[in-house]
Amino acid sequence: MSPKRRGRQPDLFKVLVVTLAIGMTLTLGYQINLYHVGQVQPMAERTPAPPIIDG
């Protein structure tokens, strides 16, 4: 019987660190994009639209 050779298993800690780093980078990029590109007024400063009353 010949022993089966398996490929090296990825180190789970390294996979976790890489996944977290990618997720944090994407989140930070999204936040920076919202801050610099989005010029929308904050919700607290908006005034409600007047009601439309048809009669």
C-alpha atoms as a PDB file:
ATOM      1  CA  MET A   1       0.000   0.000   0.000  1.00  0.00           C
ATOM      2  CA  SER A   2       1.460   3.328  -0.960  1.00  0.00           C
ATOM      3  CA  PRO A   3       0.660   6.304   1.260  1.00  0.00           C
ATOM      4  CA  LYS A   4      -1.460   8.965  -0.380  1.00  0.00           C
ATOM      5  CA  ARG A   5       0.277  12.297  -0.724  1.00  0.00           C
ATOM      6  CA  ARG A   6      -1.821  15.278   0.099  1.00  0.00           C
ATOM      7  CA  GLY A   7      -0.953  18.859  -0.773  1.00  0.00           C
ATOM      8  CA  ARG A   8      -0.004  21.224   2.008  1.00  0.00           C
ATOM      9  CA  GLN A   9      -2.983  22.423   3.932  1.00  0.00           C
ATOM     10  CA  PRO A  10      -3.214  26.237   4.164  1.00  0.00           C
ATOM     11  CA  ASP A  11      -2.488  27.590   7.615  1.00  0.00           C
ATOM     12  CA  LEU A  12      -5.904  28.577   8.959  1.00  0.00           C
ATOM     13  CA  PHE A  13      -4.479  31.467  10.986  1.00  0.00           C
ATOM     14  CA  LYS A  14      -2.907  32.979   7.866  1.00  0.00           C
ATOM     15  CA  VAL A  15      -6.168  32.556   5.959  1.00  0.00           C
ATOM     16  CA  LEU A  16      -8.025  34.296   8.795  1.00  0.00           C
ATOM     17  CA  VAL A  17      -5.552  37.188   8.910  1.00  0.00           C
ATOM     18  CA  VAL A  18      -5.681  37.671   5.136  1.00  0.00           C
ATOM     19  CA  THR A  19      -9.488  37.543   5.131  1.00  0.00           C
ATOM     20  CA  LEU A  20      -9.708  40.091   7.941  1.00  0.00           C
ATOM     21  CA  ALA A  21      -7.180  42.374   6.246  1.00  0.00           C
ATOM     22  CA  ILE A  22      -9.124  42.292   2.972  1.00  0.00           C
ATOM     23  CA  GLY A  23     -12.413  42.933   4.761  1.00  0.00           C
ATOM     24  CA  MET A  24     -11.009  45.848   6.758  1.00  0.00           C
ATOM     25  CA  THR A  25      -9.441  47.341   3.627  1.00  0.00           C
ATOM     26  CA  LEU A  26     -12.720  47.148   1.728  1.00  0.00           C
ATOM     27  CA  THR A  27     -14.641  48.636   4.652  1.00  0.00           C
ATOM     28  CA  LEU A  28     -12.168  51.490   5.054  1.00  0.00           C
ATOM     29  CA  GLY A  29     -12.234  52.189   1.324  1.00  0.00           C
ATOM     30  CA  TYR A  30     -16.022  52.272   1.375  1.00  0.00           C
ATOM     31  CA  GLN A  31     -16.067  54.695   4.320  1.00  0.00           C
ATOM     32  CA  ILE A  32     -13.506  56.986   2.660  1.00  0.00           C
ATOM     33  CA  ASN A  33     -15.507  56.876  -0.565  1.00  0.00           C
ATOM     34  CA  LEU A  34     -18.694  57.858   1.272  1.00  0.00           C
ATOM     35  CA  TYR A  35     -16.958  60.680   3.109  1.00  0.00           C
ATOM     36  CA  HIS A  36     -15.161  62.230   0.135  1.00  0.00           C
ATOM     37  CA  VAL A  37     -17.538  61.523  -2.744  1.00  0.00           C
ATOM     38  CA  GLY A  38     -20.947  61.556  -1.092  1.00  0.00           C
ATOM     39  CA  GLN A  39     -22.060  65.160  -0.556  1.00  0.00           C
ATOM     40  CA  VAL A  40     -25.502  64.223   0.767  1.00  0.00           C
ATOM     41  CA  GLN A  41     -26.807  66.146   3.757  1.00  0.00           C
ATOM     42  CA  PRO A  42     -26.890  64.174   6.981  1.00  0.00           C
ATOM     43  CA  MET A  43     -30.301  62.854   7.910  1.00  0.00           C
ATOM     44  CA  ALA A  44     -30.601  65.132  10.969  1.00  0.00           C
ATOM     45  CA  GLU A  45     -30.270  68.276   8.830  1.00  0.00           C
ATOM     46  CA  ARG A  46     -32.897  67.353   6.247  1.00  0.00           C
ATOM     47  CA  THR A  47     -36.323  68.893   6.433  1.00  0.00           C
ATOM     48  CA  PRO A  48     -39.342  66.761   5.724  1.00  0.00           C
ATOM     49  CA  ALA A  49     -41.003  67.233   2.384  1.00  0.00           C
ATOM     50  CA  PRO A  50     -44.292  69.101   2.543  1.00  0.00           C
ATOM     51  CA  PRO A  51     -47.301  66.817   2.272  1.00  0.00           C
ATOM     52  CA  ILE A  52     -49.029  66.649  -1.070  1.00  0.00           C
ATOM     53  CA  ILE A  53     -52.736  67.184  -0.591  1.00  0.00           C
ATOM     54  CA  ASP A  54     -54.950  66.864  -3.606  1.00  0.00           C
ATOM     55  CA  GLY A  55     -58.518  67.900  -3.179  1.00  0.00           C
END
